N, C-alpha and C. Protein backbone atom coordinates (compact mmCIF):
# COMPACT_ATOMS: atom_id res chain seq x y z
N MET A 1 69.04 32.77 -54.38
CA MET A 1 67.47 32.80 -54.39
C MET A 1 67.00 32.34 -53.01
N SER A 2 65.96 33.22 -52.63
CA SER A 2 65.44 32.82 -51.30
C SER A 2 64.61 31.62 -51.43
N THR A 3 64.82 30.71 -50.65
CA THR A 3 63.99 29.40 -50.75
C THR A 3 62.64 29.37 -49.64
N THR A 4 62.46 30.38 -49.19
CA THR A 4 61.19 30.61 -48.34
C THR A 4 59.95 30.09 -49.05
N ALA A 5 59.11 29.02 -48.70
CA ALA A 5 58.17 28.58 -49.19
C ALA A 5 56.93 28.08 -48.33
N THR A 6 55.87 28.14 -48.75
CA THR A 6 54.78 27.59 -47.99
C THR A 6 54.07 26.39 -48.63
N ARG A 7 54.05 25.33 -47.98
CA ARG A 7 53.43 24.21 -48.79
C ARG A 7 51.78 24.25 -48.59
N VAL A 8 51.25 24.31 -49.55
CA VAL A 8 49.66 24.41 -49.65
C VAL A 8 49.11 23.40 -50.48
N LYS A 9 47.79 23.03 -50.41
CA LYS A 9 47.28 22.40 -51.26
C LYS A 9 47.01 22.80 -52.80
N PRO A 10 47.15 21.99 -53.79
CA PRO A 10 46.97 22.25 -55.27
C PRO A 10 45.87 23.13 -55.44
N ARG A 11 45.89 23.83 -56.52
CA ARG A 11 44.54 24.56 -56.88
C ARG A 11 43.27 23.62 -57.01
N ALA A 12 43.59 22.35 -57.48
CA ALA A 12 42.44 21.66 -57.78
C ALA A 12 41.85 21.01 -56.23
N ALA A 13 42.75 20.69 -55.50
CA ALA A 13 42.26 20.33 -54.07
C ALA A 13 43.12 20.33 -53.08
N ARG A 14 45.00 19.25 -52.38
CA ARG A 14 46.31 18.96 -52.02
C ARG A 14 46.32 17.62 -51.75
N ARG A 15 68.89 -4.43 -71.03
CA ARG A 15 68.85 -3.08 -71.24
C ARG A 15 68.50 -2.76 -72.36
N VAL A 16 67.42 -2.70 -72.53
CA VAL A 16 66.67 -2.46 -74.01
C VAL A 16 66.56 -1.37 -74.06
N VAL A 17 65.83 -0.37 -72.97
CA VAL A 17 65.43 0.86 -73.16
C VAL A 17 66.14 1.74 -72.28
N LEU A 18 66.76 2.94 -72.61
CA LEU A 18 67.32 3.72 -71.60
C LEU A 18 67.03 5.14 -72.06
N LEU A 19 66.53 5.96 -71.21
CA LEU A 19 65.93 7.21 -71.50
C LEU A 19 66.72 8.45 -70.49
N GLY A 20 67.36 9.56 -71.30
CA GLY A 20 68.01 10.42 -70.53
C GLY A 20 67.02 11.64 -70.07
N LEU A 21 67.36 12.20 -69.08
CA LEU A 21 66.30 13.31 -68.81
C LEU A 21 67.11 14.59 -68.34
N ALA A 22 66.69 15.63 -69.10
CA ALA A 22 67.51 16.84 -68.85
C ALA A 22 66.48 17.85 -68.69
N ALA A 23 66.99 19.02 -67.90
CA ALA A 23 66.28 20.13 -67.77
C ALA A 23 66.92 21.42 -68.16
N GLY A 24 66.16 22.50 -68.66
CA GLY A 24 66.66 23.85 -68.97
C GLY A 24 65.54 24.80 -68.75
N ALA A 25 66.03 26.03 -68.44
CA ALA A 25 64.93 27.07 -68.17
C ALA A 25 65.45 28.16 -69.14
N VAL A 26 64.42 28.78 -69.80
CA VAL A 26 64.67 29.72 -71.05
C VAL A 26 63.73 30.94 -70.67
N ALA A 27 64.48 32.22 -70.64
CA ALA A 27 63.68 33.42 -70.47
C ALA A 27 64.01 34.31 -71.63
N SER A 28 63.06 34.88 -72.33
CA SER A 28 63.47 35.85 -73.17
C SER A 28 63.57 37.32 -72.82
N SER A 29 64.01 38.12 -73.60
CA SER A 29 64.22 39.65 -72.85
C SER A 29 62.94 40.32 -72.84
N GLY A 30 62.28 40.79 -73.67
CA GLY A 30 61.13 41.59 -73.81
C GLY A 30 60.66 42.00 -72.31
N ALA A 31 45.30 17.10 -61.76
CA ALA A 31 45.86 17.33 -60.62
C ALA A 31 45.99 16.05 -60.12
N ALA A 32 46.87 12.52 -60.76
CA ALA A 32 48.02 12.02 -59.99
C ALA A 32 48.20 13.13 -58.94
N SER A 33 49.30 13.16 -58.17
CA SER A 33 49.73 14.00 -57.00
C SER A 33 50.44 15.07 -57.37
N ALA A 34 50.40 16.14 -56.72
CA ALA A 34 51.39 17.37 -56.85
C ALA A 34 51.32 18.21 -55.63
N TRP A 35 52.23 19.09 -55.32
CA TRP A 35 52.17 20.05 -54.28
C TRP A 35 52.37 21.29 -54.96
N VAL A 36 51.80 22.38 -54.68
CA VAL A 36 51.82 23.77 -54.94
C VAL A 36 52.47 24.65 -53.97
N LEU A 37 53.82 25.19 -54.14
CA LEU A 37 54.13 25.99 -53.06
C LEU A 37 54.34 27.48 -53.33
N SER A 38 54.00 28.13 -52.35
CA SER A 38 53.94 29.80 -52.55
C SER A 38 55.38 30.15 -52.19
N LEU A 39 56.00 30.90 -53.04
CA LEU A 39 57.25 31.48 -52.98
C LEU A 39 57.22 32.88 -52.45
N THR A 40 58.20 33.28 -51.68
CA THR A 40 58.43 34.69 -51.33
C THR A 40 58.88 35.56 -52.58
N PRO A 41 58.19 36.61 -52.80
CA PRO A 41 58.45 37.34 -53.97
C PRO A 41 60.01 37.80 -53.98
N GLY A 42 60.54 37.84 -55.19
CA GLY A 42 62.01 38.38 -55.24
C GLY A 42 62.51 38.61 -56.79
N PRO A 43 63.87 38.69 -56.99
CA PRO A 43 64.20 38.76 -58.31
C PRO A 43 63.51 38.00 -59.29
N ARG A 44 63.42 38.58 -60.48
CA ARG A 44 62.95 37.57 -61.50
C ARG A 44 63.53 36.26 -61.80
N GLN A 45 62.98 35.13 -61.64
CA GLN A 45 63.91 33.87 -61.74
C GLN A 45 62.82 32.68 -62.38
N LEU A 46 63.41 31.81 -63.06
CA LEU A 46 62.77 30.55 -63.62
C LEU A 46 63.69 29.61 -62.98
N PHE A 47 63.29 28.65 -62.41
CA PHE A 47 64.09 27.28 -61.94
C PHE A 47 63.46 26.12 -62.26
N LEU A 48 64.01 25.07 -62.82
CA LEU A 48 63.63 23.81 -63.18
C LEU A 48 64.56 22.68 -62.74
N MET A 49 64.05 21.75 -62.24
CA MET A 49 64.86 20.75 -61.69
C MET A 49 64.10 19.22 -61.98
N VAL A 50 65.07 18.37 -62.81
CA VAL A 50 64.57 17.14 -63.07
C VAL A 50 65.54 16.10 -62.65
N GLY A 51 65.16 15.16 -61.65
CA GLY A 51 66.02 14.36 -60.97
C GLY A 51 66.77 14.95 -59.87
N VAL A 52 68.20 14.53 -59.86
CA VAL A 52 68.96 15.11 -58.67
C VAL A 52 69.38 16.60 -58.85
N GLY A 53 69.30 17.40 -57.79
CA GLY A 53 69.78 18.75 -57.90
C GLY A 53 69.59 19.49 -56.56
N THR A 54 69.85 20.73 -56.59
CA THR A 54 69.75 21.59 -55.57
C THR A 54 69.12 23.00 -55.90
N ALA A 55 67.97 23.49 -55.15
CA ALA A 55 67.37 24.64 -55.51
C ALA A 55 68.22 25.78 -55.84
N GLY A 56 67.97 26.45 -56.94
CA GLY A 56 68.71 27.74 -57.24
C GLY A 56 70.09 27.46 -57.74
N ALA A 57 70.37 26.05 -58.15
CA ALA A 57 71.73 25.86 -58.50
C ALA A 57 71.68 25.51 -60.09
N ASN A 58 73.00 25.50 -60.70
CA ASN A 58 73.11 25.05 -62.05
C ASN A 58 73.36 23.58 -62.24
N ASN A 59 72.35 22.64 -62.04
CA ASN A 59 72.54 21.24 -61.90
C ASN A 59 72.90 20.58 -63.11
N ALA A 60 73.89 20.05 -63.43
CA ALA A 60 74.46 19.32 -64.62
C ALA A 60 74.12 18.04 -64.80
N THR A 61 73.71 17.36 -63.70
CA THR A 61 73.51 15.80 -63.74
C THR A 61 72.32 15.62 -64.61
N ILE A 62 72.40 14.61 -65.31
CA ILE A 62 71.43 14.11 -66.40
C ILE A 62 71.05 12.71 -65.89
N ASN A 63 69.75 12.55 -65.22
CA ASN A 63 69.61 11.04 -64.77
C ASN A 63 69.01 10.35 -66.07
N THR A 64 68.93 8.99 -65.71
CA THR A 64 68.35 8.12 -66.53
C THR A 64 67.26 7.21 -66.02
N VAL A 65 66.33 6.54 -66.89
CA VAL A 65 65.36 5.67 -66.49
C VAL A 65 65.57 4.63 -67.51
N SER A 66 65.50 3.41 -67.07
CA SER A 66 65.87 2.26 -67.87
C SER A 66 64.93 0.93 -67.58
N VAL A 67 65.01 0.08 -68.59
CA VAL A 67 64.25 -1.14 -68.16
C VAL A 67 64.86 -2.11 -69.19
N ASN A 68 65.11 -3.54 -68.52
CA ASN A 68 65.40 -4.67 -69.41
C ASN A 68 64.10 -5.42 -69.69
N VAL A 69 64.08 -5.64 -71.13
CA VAL A 69 62.89 -6.49 -71.62
C VAL A 69 63.31 -7.84 -71.60
N PRO A 70 62.69 -8.77 -71.07
CA PRO A 70 63.06 -10.39 -71.13
C PRO A 70 62.86 -10.87 -72.61
N ALA A 71 63.78 -11.74 -73.01
CA ALA A 71 63.58 -12.02 -74.40
C ALA A 71 62.34 -12.51 -74.79
N ALA A 72 61.76 -13.38 -73.76
CA ALA A 72 60.54 -14.26 -74.01
C ALA A 72 59.35 -13.17 -74.02
N GLY A 73 59.46 -11.90 -73.46
CA GLY A 73 58.37 -11.02 -73.60
C GLY A 73 58.36 -9.88 -74.44
N ILE A 74 59.44 -9.95 -75.34
CA ILE A 74 59.59 -8.68 -76.21
C ILE A 74 58.35 -8.63 -77.11
N GLY A 75 57.76 -7.30 -77.12
CA GLY A 75 56.65 -7.07 -78.02
C GLY A 75 55.31 -7.64 -77.44
N SER A 76 55.25 -8.06 -76.15
CA SER A 76 54.13 -8.92 -75.68
C SER A 76 52.88 -7.67 -75.48
N GLY A 77 53.22 -6.59 -75.35
CA GLY A 77 52.19 -5.51 -75.24
C GLY A 77 52.12 -5.40 -73.68
N THR A 78 52.61 -5.99 -72.69
CA THR A 78 52.64 -5.92 -71.36
C THR A 78 53.54 -4.85 -70.88
N ALA A 79 52.93 -3.67 -70.35
CA ALA A 79 53.83 -2.47 -70.05
C ALA A 79 54.71 -2.99 -68.90
N LEU A 80 55.84 -2.38 -68.96
CA LEU A 80 56.98 -2.81 -67.98
C LEU A 80 57.56 -1.34 -67.31
N ALA A 81 57.54 -1.41 -66.02
CA ALA A 81 57.68 -0.21 -65.14
C ALA A 81 59.56 0.04 -65.33
N MET A 82 59.73 1.27 -65.35
CA MET A 82 61.27 1.55 -65.68
C MET A 82 61.68 2.24 -64.20
N THR A 83 63.03 1.96 -64.06
CA THR A 83 63.43 2.42 -62.98
C THR A 83 64.79 3.53 -63.14
N SER A 84 64.74 4.35 -62.13
CA SER A 84 65.79 5.50 -62.35
C SER A 84 67.08 5.36 -61.56
N ASP A 85 68.14 6.20 -62.06
CA ASP A 85 69.31 6.15 -61.14
C ASP A 85 69.32 7.55 -60.30
N SER A 86 68.14 8.17 -60.36
CA SER A 86 67.95 9.39 -59.50
C SER A 86 67.86 8.95 -58.10
N THR A 87 68.28 9.68 -57.15
CA THR A 87 68.24 9.55 -55.54
C THR A 87 67.44 10.62 -55.02
N GLN A 88 66.89 11.52 -55.79
CA GLN A 88 66.33 12.89 -55.35
C GLN A 88 64.89 12.40 -54.65
N SER A 89 64.77 12.36 -53.28
CA SER A 89 63.54 12.07 -52.87
C SER A 89 62.80 13.39 -52.25
N ALA A 90 63.61 14.28 -51.61
CA ALA A 90 63.19 15.38 -51.06
C ALA A 90 62.96 16.67 -51.74
N SER A 91 62.07 17.38 -51.38
CA SER A 91 61.65 18.74 -52.16
C SER A 91 63.28 19.77 -51.81
N PRO A 92 63.64 20.28 -52.91
CA PRO A 92 64.72 21.19 -52.67
C PRO A 92 64.32 22.50 -52.05
N TYR A 93 62.99 22.73 -51.94
CA TYR A 93 62.38 24.03 -51.35
C TYR A 93 62.35 24.06 -49.80
N ASP A 94 61.83 22.75 -49.26
CA ASP A 94 61.62 22.77 -47.96
C ASP A 94 61.98 21.40 -47.28
N GLY A 95 62.55 20.52 -48.18
CA GLY A 95 63.04 19.08 -47.65
C GLY A 95 61.95 18.02 -47.34
N PHE A 96 60.69 18.41 -47.83
CA PHE A 96 59.72 17.17 -47.56
C PHE A 96 59.94 16.23 -48.60
N ARG A 97 59.47 15.07 -48.03
CA ARG A 97 59.83 13.91 -48.87
C ARG A 97 59.00 13.76 -49.83
N THR A 98 59.10 14.16 -51.02
CA THR A 98 58.08 14.17 -52.15
C THR A 98 58.03 12.89 -52.98
N CYS A 99 59.15 12.27 -53.12
CA CYS A 99 59.28 11.34 -54.18
C CYS A 99 59.95 9.95 -53.52
N ASN A 100 59.70 8.79 -54.24
CA ASN A 100 60.28 7.38 -53.69
C ASN A 100 61.20 6.91 -54.82
N PRO A 101 62.38 7.31 -54.80
CA PRO A 101 63.14 6.83 -55.85
C PRO A 101 63.67 5.16 -55.56
N PRO A 102 64.02 4.44 -56.40
CA PRO A 102 64.35 4.63 -58.01
C PRO A 102 63.12 4.67 -58.76
N ASN A 103 61.92 4.25 -58.40
CA ASN A 103 60.75 4.32 -59.31
C ASN A 103 60.26 5.77 -59.75
N ASP A 104 60.44 6.73 -58.78
CA ASP A 104 59.95 7.98 -58.88
C ASP A 104 61.11 8.80 -59.51
N VAL A 105 60.94 9.83 -60.42
CA VAL A 105 61.90 10.91 -60.79
C VAL A 105 61.21 12.37 -60.25
N TYR A 106 61.86 13.02 -59.53
CA TYR A 106 61.47 14.28 -58.91
C TYR A 106 61.41 15.15 -60.34
N VAL A 107 60.33 15.97 -60.48
CA VAL A 107 60.09 17.11 -61.35
C VAL A 107 59.76 18.16 -60.74
N GLY A 108 60.23 19.42 -60.68
CA GLY A 108 60.00 20.69 -59.98
C GLY A 108 60.26 21.84 -60.84
N ALA A 109 59.35 22.87 -60.73
CA ALA A 109 59.37 24.08 -61.58
C ALA A 109 58.97 25.26 -60.77
N SER A 110 59.72 26.42 -60.86
CA SER A 110 59.23 27.54 -59.97
C SER A 110 59.43 28.74 -60.96
N TYR A 111 58.55 29.81 -60.61
CA TYR A 111 58.48 31.06 -61.38
C TYR A 111 58.32 32.14 -60.38
N ARG A 112 59.49 33.18 -60.18
CA ARG A 112 59.42 34.09 -59.39
C ARG A 112 59.42 35.37 -59.89
N GLN A 113 58.59 36.36 -59.44
CA GLN A 113 58.60 37.91 -59.77
C GLN A 113 58.71 38.57 -58.41
N PRO A 114 59.08 39.93 -58.58
CA PRO A 114 59.31 40.79 -57.34
C PRO A 114 57.89 41.09 -56.70
N ASN A 115 56.84 40.91 -57.39
CA ASN A 115 55.68 41.24 -56.76
C ASN A 115 54.39 40.51 -57.43
N ALA A 116 53.28 40.78 -56.72
CA ALA A 116 52.03 39.94 -57.39
C ALA A 116 51.54 40.37 -58.65
N THR A 117 52.11 41.52 -59.36
CA THR A 117 51.62 41.96 -60.61
C THR A 117 52.60 41.96 -61.53
N ALA A 118 53.80 41.87 -61.29
CA ALA A 118 55.18 41.87 -62.27
C ALA A 118 55.15 40.72 -63.21
N GLY A 119 55.37 41.21 -64.29
CA GLY A 119 55.57 40.17 -65.52
C GLY A 119 54.55 39.45 -65.86
N PRO A 120 54.45 38.32 -66.66
CA PRO A 120 53.45 37.47 -67.09
C PRO A 120 52.85 36.81 -65.83
N ALA A 121 51.58 36.28 -65.84
CA ALA A 121 50.92 35.55 -64.85
C ALA A 121 51.55 34.28 -64.60
N SER A 122 52.22 33.66 -65.78
CA SER A 122 52.63 32.37 -65.47
C SER A 122 53.81 32.11 -66.50
N ALA A 123 54.46 30.88 -66.14
CA ALA A 123 55.61 30.43 -67.00
C ALA A 123 55.19 28.86 -67.47
N THR A 124 55.57 28.56 -68.77
CA THR A 124 55.14 27.28 -69.29
C THR A 124 56.12 26.28 -69.20
N LEU A 125 55.64 24.96 -68.69
CA LEU A 125 56.57 23.82 -68.51
C LEU A 125 56.28 22.79 -69.55
N GLN A 126 57.14 22.35 -70.31
CA GLN A 126 56.93 21.37 -71.26
C GLN A 126 58.04 20.33 -71.51
N VAL A 127 58.07 19.22 -72.28
CA VAL A 127 58.89 18.41 -72.50
C VAL A 127 58.99 17.94 -73.79
N THR A 128 60.20 17.80 -74.49
CA THR A 128 60.45 17.57 -75.68
C THR A 128 61.35 16.29 -76.01
N THR A 129 60.90 15.50 -77.00
CA THR A 129 61.75 14.26 -77.43
C THR A 129 61.80 14.15 -78.99
N PRO A 130 62.76 13.39 -79.21
CA PRO A 130 62.96 13.11 -80.75
C PRO A 130 61.89 11.94 -80.92
N ALA A 131 61.81 11.90 -82.15
CA ALA A 131 60.80 10.70 -82.69
C ALA A 131 61.01 9.40 -82.07
N ASN A 132 62.42 8.97 -81.97
CA ASN A 132 62.69 7.81 -81.75
C ASN A 132 63.71 7.55 -80.75
N LEU A 133 63.78 6.33 -79.83
CA LEU A 133 65.01 6.00 -79.18
C LEU A 133 65.81 5.38 -80.30
N THR A 134 67.18 5.30 -80.19
CA THR A 134 67.92 4.49 -81.23
C THR A 134 69.13 3.78 -80.69
N SER A 135 69.23 2.71 -81.31
CA SER A 135 70.40 1.73 -81.02
C SER A 135 71.19 1.58 -82.61
N GLY A 136 72.20 2.29 -82.69
CA GLY A 136 72.77 2.31 -84.04
C GLY A 136 71.71 2.73 -85.04
N THR A 137 71.37 1.95 -86.05
CA THR A 137 70.34 2.50 -87.14
C THR A 137 68.98 1.86 -86.86
N ASP A 138 68.83 1.00 -85.74
CA ASP A 138 67.47 0.60 -85.41
C ASP A 138 66.79 1.57 -84.30
N THR A 139 65.35 1.53 -84.34
CA THR A 139 64.82 2.60 -83.56
C THR A 139 63.60 1.94 -82.65
N ILE A 140 63.03 2.67 -81.73
CA ILE A 140 61.93 2.26 -81.01
C ILE A 140 61.18 3.59 -80.88
N PRO A 141 59.99 3.74 -81.32
CA PRO A 141 59.31 5.19 -81.16
C PRO A 141 59.16 5.70 -79.59
N PHE A 142 59.46 6.93 -79.57
CA PHE A 142 59.41 7.47 -78.18
C PHE A 142 58.04 7.48 -77.54
N SER A 143 57.08 7.20 -78.44
CA SER A 143 55.60 7.12 -77.94
C SER A 143 55.40 5.86 -77.11
N GLN A 144 56.54 4.98 -77.19
CA GLN A 144 56.31 3.48 -76.38
C GLN A 144 56.60 3.90 -74.85
N ILE A 145 56.93 5.04 -74.58
CA ILE A 145 57.27 5.56 -73.07
C ILE A 145 56.15 6.39 -72.59
N ARG A 146 55.63 6.17 -71.50
CA ARG A 146 54.64 6.97 -70.81
C ARG A 146 54.91 7.12 -69.59
N TRP A 147 54.25 8.16 -68.54
CA TRP A 147 54.63 8.37 -67.24
C TRP A 147 53.33 8.55 -66.43
N THR A 148 53.25 8.16 -65.35
CA THR A 148 52.34 8.48 -64.33
C THR A 148 53.02 9.55 -63.28
N SER A 149 52.03 10.36 -62.59
CA SER A 149 52.57 11.43 -61.91
C SER A 149 52.05 11.36 -60.39
N SER A 150 52.77 11.42 -59.44
CA SER A 150 52.32 11.46 -57.98
C SER A 150 53.19 12.19 -57.18
N ALA A 151 52.85 12.20 -55.75
CA ALA A 151 53.64 12.80 -54.92
C ALA A 151 53.18 12.45 -53.51
N ASN A 152 54.20 12.34 -52.54
CA ASN A 152 53.68 11.87 -51.38
C ASN A 152 52.72 12.68 -50.52
N GLY A 153 51.72 12.34 -49.84
CA GLY A 153 50.85 13.17 -49.19
C GLY A 153 49.77 13.97 -49.78
N ASN A 154 49.61 13.62 -51.19
CA ASN A 154 48.51 14.34 -51.80
C ASN A 154 48.06 13.77 -52.98
N PRO A 155 46.68 13.62 -52.94
CA PRO A 155 45.85 12.95 -54.14
C PRO A 155 45.53 13.64 -55.20
N ALA A 156 45.94 14.88 -55.42
CA ALA A 156 45.42 15.76 -56.57
C ALA A 156 46.43 16.11 -57.43
N ALA A 157 46.30 16.27 -58.67
CA ALA A 157 47.20 16.47 -59.80
C ALA A 157 47.52 17.87 -59.95
N HIS A 158 48.73 18.14 -60.53
CA HIS A 158 48.74 19.53 -61.27
C HIS A 158 49.82 19.22 -62.43
N LEU A 159 50.72 18.39 -62.27
CA LEU A 159 51.53 18.15 -63.58
C LEU A 159 50.91 16.79 -63.80
N PRO A 160 50.52 16.76 -65.17
CA PRO A 160 49.62 15.47 -65.60
C PRO A 160 50.62 14.25 -65.94
N ALA A 161 49.89 13.11 -65.86
CA ALA A 161 50.51 11.92 -66.59
C ALA A 161 50.44 12.22 -68.06
N GLY A 162 51.16 11.40 -68.77
CA GLY A 162 51.22 11.44 -70.33
C GLY A 162 52.02 10.47 -70.89
N THR A 163 52.18 10.72 -72.28
CA THR A 163 52.94 9.88 -73.08
C THR A 163 53.75 10.64 -74.03
N PHE A 164 55.17 10.37 -74.25
CA PHE A 164 55.93 11.11 -75.13
C PHE A 164 55.34 11.12 -76.58
N ASN A 165 55.61 11.86 -77.41
CA ASN A 165 54.88 11.85 -78.75
C ASN A 165 55.91 12.06 -79.84
N GLY A 166 57.20 11.92 -79.55
CA GLY A 166 58.22 12.44 -80.66
C GLY A 166 58.14 14.02 -80.92
N GLY A 167 57.61 14.78 -80.06
CA GLY A 167 57.71 16.22 -80.28
C GLY A 167 57.68 16.97 -78.90
N THR A 168 56.70 17.84 -78.86
CA THR A 168 56.73 18.57 -77.44
C THR A 168 55.27 18.25 -77.09
N VAL A 169 55.46 17.98 -75.43
CA VAL A 169 54.19 18.00 -74.74
C VAL A 169 54.04 18.93 -73.59
N PHE A 170 52.96 19.68 -73.73
CA PHE A 170 52.70 20.85 -72.68
C PHE A 170 52.43 20.07 -71.41
N LEU A 171 52.85 20.42 -70.10
CA LEU A 171 52.78 19.80 -68.90
C LEU A 171 52.05 20.95 -68.06
N ALA A 172 52.33 22.07 -67.81
CA ALA A 172 51.56 22.92 -66.90
C ALA A 172 52.01 24.29 -67.17
N ASN A 173 51.10 25.18 -66.87
CA ASN A 173 51.40 26.57 -66.51
C ASN A 173 51.84 26.78 -65.15
N ILE A 174 52.90 27.41 -64.64
CA ILE A 174 53.47 27.58 -63.36
C ILE A 174 53.11 29.07 -62.89
N GLY A 175 52.38 29.24 -62.00
CA GLY A 175 51.85 30.51 -61.42
C GLY A 175 52.92 31.38 -61.03
N ARG A 176 52.82 32.79 -61.16
CA ARG A 176 53.79 33.62 -60.64
C ARG A 176 54.15 33.49 -59.11
N ASN A 177 55.14 33.36 -58.61
CA ASN A 177 55.65 33.16 -57.19
C ASN A 177 55.10 31.77 -56.80
N GLU A 178 55.09 30.92 -57.71
CA GLU A 178 54.77 29.49 -57.30
C GLU A 178 55.73 28.44 -57.69
N ALA A 179 55.87 27.31 -56.97
CA ALA A 179 56.74 26.19 -57.29
C ALA A 179 55.78 24.93 -57.31
N VAL A 180 55.92 24.05 -58.47
CA VAL A 180 55.01 23.05 -58.32
C VAL A 180 55.94 21.86 -58.52
N GLU A 181 55.74 20.70 -57.83
CA GLU A 181 56.45 19.60 -57.44
C GLU A 181 55.79 18.40 -58.04
N ASN A 182 56.23 17.30 -58.71
CA ASN A 182 55.60 16.01 -58.87
C ASN A 182 56.77 15.08 -59.01
N CYS A 183 56.40 13.78 -58.89
CA CYS A 183 57.13 12.70 -59.20
C CYS A 183 56.72 11.78 -60.46
N PHE A 184 57.58 11.83 -61.36
CA PHE A 184 57.15 10.97 -62.47
C PHE A 184 57.52 9.56 -62.46
N THR A 185 56.90 8.53 -62.69
CA THR A 185 57.15 7.05 -62.99
C THR A 185 56.79 6.69 -64.30
N TYR A 186 58.03 6.17 -64.86
CA TYR A 186 57.82 5.87 -66.36
C TYR A 186 57.55 4.28 -66.57
N PHE A 187 56.94 4.16 -67.79
CA PHE A 187 56.72 2.80 -68.13
C PHE A 187 56.97 2.59 -69.59
N TYR A 188 57.37 1.45 -70.06
CA TYR A 188 57.76 1.14 -71.41
C TYR A 188 56.48 0.29 -71.91
N ALA A 189 55.99 0.38 -73.00
CA ALA A 189 54.73 -0.02 -73.46
C ALA A 189 54.75 -1.43 -73.91
N ASN A 190 56.21 -1.59 -74.46
CA ASN A 190 56.51 -2.99 -74.93
C ASN A 190 55.57 -3.54 -76.06
N GLY A 191 55.28 -2.68 -76.85
CA GLY A 191 54.28 -3.04 -77.94
C GLY A 191 55.01 -2.98 -79.27
N VAL A 192 56.26 -3.18 -79.43
CA VAL A 192 57.05 -3.24 -80.58
C VAL A 192 57.92 -4.58 -80.61
N VAL A 193 58.46 -4.93 -81.58
CA VAL A 193 59.65 -6.17 -81.68
C VAL A 193 60.87 -5.39 -82.30
N PRO A 194 61.63 -5.05 -81.62
CA PRO A 194 62.93 -4.26 -82.14
C PRO A 194 64.18 -5.44 -82.18
N ARG A 195 65.06 -5.12 -82.86
CA ARG A 195 66.18 -5.93 -82.82
C ARG A 195 66.89 -5.82 -81.39
N ALA A 196 67.62 -6.77 -80.95
CA ALA A 196 68.37 -6.63 -79.75
C ALA A 196 69.42 -5.35 -79.81
N GLY A 197 69.35 -4.74 -78.62
CA GLY A 197 70.20 -3.57 -78.26
C GLY A 197 69.75 -2.77 -77.31
N THR A 198 70.77 -1.78 -77.06
CA THR A 198 70.31 -0.69 -76.13
C THR A 198 69.93 0.55 -76.77
N TYR A 199 68.82 1.00 -76.51
CA TYR A 199 68.09 1.99 -77.12
C TYR A 199 68.09 3.27 -76.33
N THR A 200 68.54 4.28 -76.71
CA THR A 200 68.64 5.46 -75.99
C THR A 200 67.99 6.68 -76.63
N GLY A 201 67.61 7.63 -75.78
CA GLY A 201 67.14 9.01 -76.19
C GLY A 201 67.08 9.86 -75.12
N ARG A 202 66.71 11.07 -75.27
CA ARG A 202 66.72 12.22 -74.18
C ARG A 202 65.37 12.93 -74.29
N ALA A 203 64.74 13.14 -73.08
CA ALA A 203 63.68 13.89 -72.92
C ALA A 203 64.13 15.16 -72.30
N VAL A 204 63.82 16.28 -72.95
CA VAL A 204 64.38 17.62 -72.41
C VAL A 204 63.09 18.47 -71.88
N PHE A 205 63.27 18.61 -70.51
CA PHE A 205 62.12 19.62 -69.85
C PHE A 205 62.75 20.94 -70.20
N THR A 206 61.53 21.81 -70.33
CA THR A 206 62.02 23.20 -70.51
C THR A 206 60.93 24.03 -69.73
N LEU A 207 61.38 25.10 -69.17
CA LEU A 207 60.38 26.17 -68.41
C LEU A 207 60.64 27.47 -69.26
N LEU A 208 59.47 27.96 -69.78
CA LEU A 208 59.81 29.17 -70.54
C LEU A 208 58.92 30.39 -70.07
N SER A 209 59.31 31.49 -70.05
CA SER A 209 58.62 32.82 -69.80
C SER A 209 58.90 33.86 -70.88
N PRO A 210 57.89 34.49 -71.31
CA PRO A 210 58.25 35.66 -72.38
C PRO A 210 58.93 36.96 -71.60
């Protein structure tokens, strides 16, 4: 994949809980902060990277975010910031320092076509979770986890902040020959009183184009 990109302003302006993050790109046959990059046209391609990875590669790493809830504060309703084992700070497209790990998790998606009119105008980025995080037979609703969205050097949003809902959350349409980058910071709402344990679940980010 050609990694030639131009960094421009966005369209709008420029261990109690453990969460696994995974990415996948799917193609059928037939503004917190963000950066939108213009890509050089080329062979049709979808690329999605969440956490650690390299542009254009099949990155197998699944990063996690986690938080330890003090026993005295369980269920207090005071949100707790989660930290990640991701070390990805730089954009895989141009090396710009986009994120600040371990608090930030890099999320980037790109959609390439051979010219300005080929194929659909955009691809769809979304994230899906099960209903609950689990520890044996005990559960915590996935909706107890939300995220904010940011990126160094730009105050305008493209990939929005949100809350997991135990299903699929739409994030953004990625325009033809564009890449969009953000950094997600996760928070545990701490609004339930679960049994002691290590609760785990996985959020799967998907980029789709018809």
